[in-house]
Amino acid sequence: MAGVDIRLATFKDKKIVQPMVNNVYSDCEAEYWTADYRRLTDERFEAYIQRKELLLACLNDAIVGCVVMSSVHNSSGKLKDIAMLVVDPLYRKRGIGTQLIHHIISVAKQENLDGVQVELLTLVNSQDPWKVKLREWYESFGFRFVKDEDVYKFFPDFAHQIKNKSVLSSYVKQL
């Protein structure tokens, strides 16, 4: 899709980005989190802005998606990490998420990194159709399963808000 601009978020974007993210997560991950969980808290938003990690997808100056892009170094090498990729439901199926993924892959290549990583929260002993579709979408870009991690260790501050036994499944696209 032509016309999508990707830019860093600023503090003034909060009133649009925060509800978009929290609404999408409350719909898509309702089986994972208690009703009081908010994916994008005020504190997280401010931290992402200060670290220059929150990217926005804009169409005709309207914010239609976002993603957190950070740098990590782990057993898979030096990577860009993808988190909280969200596209406004009114703008899905237009290639906006794909453009965000391609942008992060391009940045990782420019920085001569080893790859790009994404983690998916998945239910233990259950197949969430939304997560299966999301996993397959990431795999279409070349992401491959690396390992499952203990979500309770990964998110200790939010462990009390996890409703069902879950794991954090890591996928990496090597460059």
Protein backbone atom coordinates (compact mmCIF):
# COMPACT_ATOMS: atom_id res chain seq x y z
CA MET A 1 0.00 0.00 0.00
CA ALA A 2 1.41 3.35 -0.99
CA GLY A 3 1.10 6.39 1.20
CA VAL A 4 1.94 4.90 4.60
CA ASP A 5 4.50 6.99 6.44
CA ILE A 6 6.44 5.54 9.35
CA ARG A 7 7.66 7.94 12.02
CA LEU A 8 8.65 8.06 15.67
CA ALA A 9 5.84 8.69 18.12
CA THR A 10 5.81 11.80 20.26
CA PHE A 11 4.11 12.60 23.55
CA LYS A 12 1.27 14.34 21.68
CA ASP A 13 0.34 11.02 19.96
CA LYS A 14 -0.66 9.40 23.25
CA LYS A 15 -4.38 10.24 23.07
CA ILE A 16 -4.67 8.30 19.80
CA VAL A 17 -2.10 5.52 20.24
CA GLN A 18 -2.86 4.44 23.80
CA PRO A 19 -6.58 3.67 23.29
CA MET A 20 -5.90 2.05 19.90
CA VAL A 21 -3.35 -0.33 21.43
CA ASN A 22 -5.35 -1.11 24.56
CA ASN A 23 -8.56 -1.75 22.61
CA VAL A 24 -6.84 -4.11 20.17
CA TYR A 25 -5.14 -6.03 22.98
CA SER A 26 -8.32 -6.25 25.07
CA ASP A 27 -10.07 -7.77 22.04
CA CYS A 28 -7.31 -10.07 20.82
CA GLU A 29 -5.88 -11.20 24.15
CA ALA A 30 -8.99 -11.29 26.34
CA GLU A 31 -8.28 -14.95 27.19
CA TYR A 32 -4.79 -14.07 28.42
CA TRP A 33 -5.22 -11.06 30.70
CA THR A 34 -7.55 -9.91 33.46
CA ALA A 35 -9.96 -7.10 32.57
CA ASP A 36 -7.84 -4.49 34.35
CA TYR A 37 -4.69 -5.18 32.27
CA ARG A 38 -3.56 -2.38 29.96
CA ARG A 39 -0.92 -3.19 27.37
CA LEU A 40 0.11 0.43 26.96
CA THR A 41 0.18 2.17 30.33
CA ASP A 42 1.17 5.80 30.79
CA GLU A 43 4.55 4.67 32.12
CA ARG A 44 5.24 2.35 29.19
CA PHE A 45 4.21 4.98 26.66
CA GLU A 46 6.53 7.55 28.21
CA ALA A 47 9.41 5.05 28.34
CA TYR A 48 8.96 4.10 24.66
CA ILE A 49 8.95 7.78 23.70
CA GLN A 50 12.04 8.58 25.75
CA ARG A 51 13.93 5.58 24.28
CA LYS A 52 12.68 6.42 20.75
CA GLU A 53 11.27 2.90 20.32
CA LEU A 54 7.63 3.53 19.36
CA LEU A 55 7.06 3.79 15.61
CA LEU A 56 3.79 4.91 14.08
CA ALA A 57 2.24 4.04 10.74
CA CYS A 58 0.37 7.05 9.37
CA LEU A 59 -1.97 7.27 6.42
CA ASN A 60 -2.83 10.80 5.28
CA ASP A 61 -1.56 12.05 8.67
CA ALA A 62 -3.89 9.68 10.57
CA ILE A 63 -2.26 7.20 12.95
CA VAL A 64 -3.36 3.75 11.78
CA GLY A 65 -0.81 1.47 13.45
CA CYS A 66 2.23 1.21 15.63
CA VAL A 67 5.06 -1.05 16.71
CA VAL A 68 7.78 -1.00 19.33
CA MET A 69 11.26 -1.56 17.88
CA SER A 70 14.09 -2.08 20.35
CA SER A 71 17.56 -3.59 20.27
CA VAL A 72 18.43 -6.83 22.07
CA HIS A 73 21.43 -9.12 22.31
CA ASN A 74 20.76 -12.75 23.13
CA SER A 75 21.74 -16.28 22.05
CA SER A 76 20.44 -15.53 18.53
CA GLY A 77 22.80 -12.54 18.23
CA LYS A 78 22.30 -8.80 17.99
CA LEU A 79 18.69 -8.24 16.98
CA LYS A 80 15.90 -5.75 16.54
CA ASP A 81 12.97 -6.80 18.69
CA ILE A 82 9.38 -6.31 17.56
CA ALA A 83 6.74 -5.75 20.22
CA MET A 84 3.19 -4.47 20.38
CA LEU A 85 2.55 -4.42 16.64
CA VAL A 86 -0.96 -3.04 16.24
CA VAL A 87 -2.99 -1.94 13.24
CA ASP A 88 -6.28 -0.16 13.79
CA PRO A 89 -9.01 -2.71 12.92
CA LEU A 90 -10.51 -0.24 10.41
CA TYR A 91 -7.25 -0.32 8.43
CA ARG A 92 -6.38 -4.01 8.48
CA LYS A 93 -5.77 -6.02 5.31
CA ARG A 94 -4.12 -3.02 3.63
CA GLY A 95 -0.48 -4.03 4.13
CA ILE A 96 0.22 -1.65 7.00
CA GLY A 97 1.55 -4.35 9.35
CA THR A 98 3.65 -5.71 6.49
CA GLN A 99 5.17 -2.28 5.92
CA LEU A 100 6.03 -2.00 9.62
CA ILE A 101 7.73 -5.42 9.54
CA HIS A 102 9.66 -4.55 6.36
CA HIS A 103 10.74 -1.26 7.92
CA ILE A 104 12.18 -3.00 10.99
CA ILE A 105 13.92 -5.63 8.84
CA SER A 106 15.42 -2.81 6.76
CA VAL A 107 16.67 -0.98 9.87
CA ALA A 108 18.21 -4.22 11.18
CA LYS A 109 20.01 -4.74 7.85
CA GLN A 110 21.26 -1.13 7.82
CA GLU A 111 22.66 -1.65 11.32
CA ASN A 112 24.30 -4.96 10.27
CA LEU A 113 22.41 -6.89 12.92
CA ASP A 114 22.03 -10.66 12.97
CA GLY A 115 18.25 -10.65 12.73
CA VAL A 116 14.86 -9.58 13.99
CA GLN A 117 12.96 -11.16 16.88
CA VAL A 118 9.31 -11.28 17.87
CA GLU A 119 7.63 -12.95 20.85
CA LEU A 120 4.06 -14.18 20.84
CA LEU A 121 2.12 -14.81 24.01
CA THR A 122 0.41 -18.17 23.54
CA LEU A 123 -1.82 -20.32 25.70
CA VAL A 124 -0.41 -23.58 27.04
CA ASN A 125 -2.30 -26.68 25.84
CA SER A 126 -4.59 -24.68 23.58
CA GLN A 127 -4.61 -23.32 20.04
CA ASP A 128 -5.82 -19.73 19.90
CA PRO A 129 -6.92 -19.26 16.25
CA TRP A 130 -5.86 -15.59 16.29
CA LYS A 131 -2.36 -16.48 17.52
CA VAL A 132 -2.04 -19.33 15.00
CA LYS A 133 -2.87 -16.89 12.20
CA LEU A 134 -0.43 -14.33 13.63
CA ARG A 135 2.34 -16.94 13.93
CA GLU A 136 1.79 -18.00 10.33
CA TRP A 137 1.91 -14.36 9.24
CA TYR A 138 5.29 -13.86 10.94
CA GLU A 139 6.55 -17.13 9.46
CA SER A 140 5.66 -15.80 5.98
CA PHE A 141 8.40 -13.18 6.54
CA GLY A 142 10.93 -15.89 7.43
CA PHE A 143 10.59 -15.88 11.21
CA ARG A 144 11.31 -19.29 12.75
CA PHE A 145 10.48 -20.64 16.19
CA VAL A 146 13.40 -20.49 18.63
CA LYS A 147 12.00 -21.32 22.08
CA ASP A 148 9.24 -20.93 24.61
CA GLU A 149 9.96 -18.82 27.67
CA ASP A 150 8.27 -18.52 31.04
CA VAL A 151 5.95 -15.55 30.65
CA TYR A 152 5.77 -15.15 34.41
CA LYS A 153 9.52 -14.60 34.53
CA PHE A 154 9.43 -12.32 31.50
CA PHE A 155 6.59 -10.14 32.88
CA PRO A 156 6.95 -10.44 36.67
CA ASP A 157 5.17 -7.13 37.29
CA PHE A 158 2.11 -8.35 35.38
CA ALA A 159 2.05 -12.03 36.42
CA HIS A 160 -0.93 -11.43 38.69
CA GLN A 161 -2.92 -10.20 35.65
CA ILE A 162 -2.40 -13.34 33.53
CA LYS A 163 -5.66 -15.31 33.47
CA ASN A 164 -4.61 -18.56 31.78
CA LYS A 165 -1.36 -20.52 31.72
CA SER A 166 0.69 -19.00 28.92
CA VAL A 167 4.17 -19.02 27.43
CA LEU A 168 6.13 -16.46 25.46
CA SER A 169 7.12 -18.06 22.15
CA SER A 170 10.17 -16.48 20.51
CA TYR A 171 10.64 -16.33 16.75
CA VAL A 172 13.68 -14.99 14.91
CA LYS A 173 14.31 -14.00 11.31
CA GLN A 174 18.02 -14.31 10.61
CA LEU A 175 19.46 -11.76 8.19
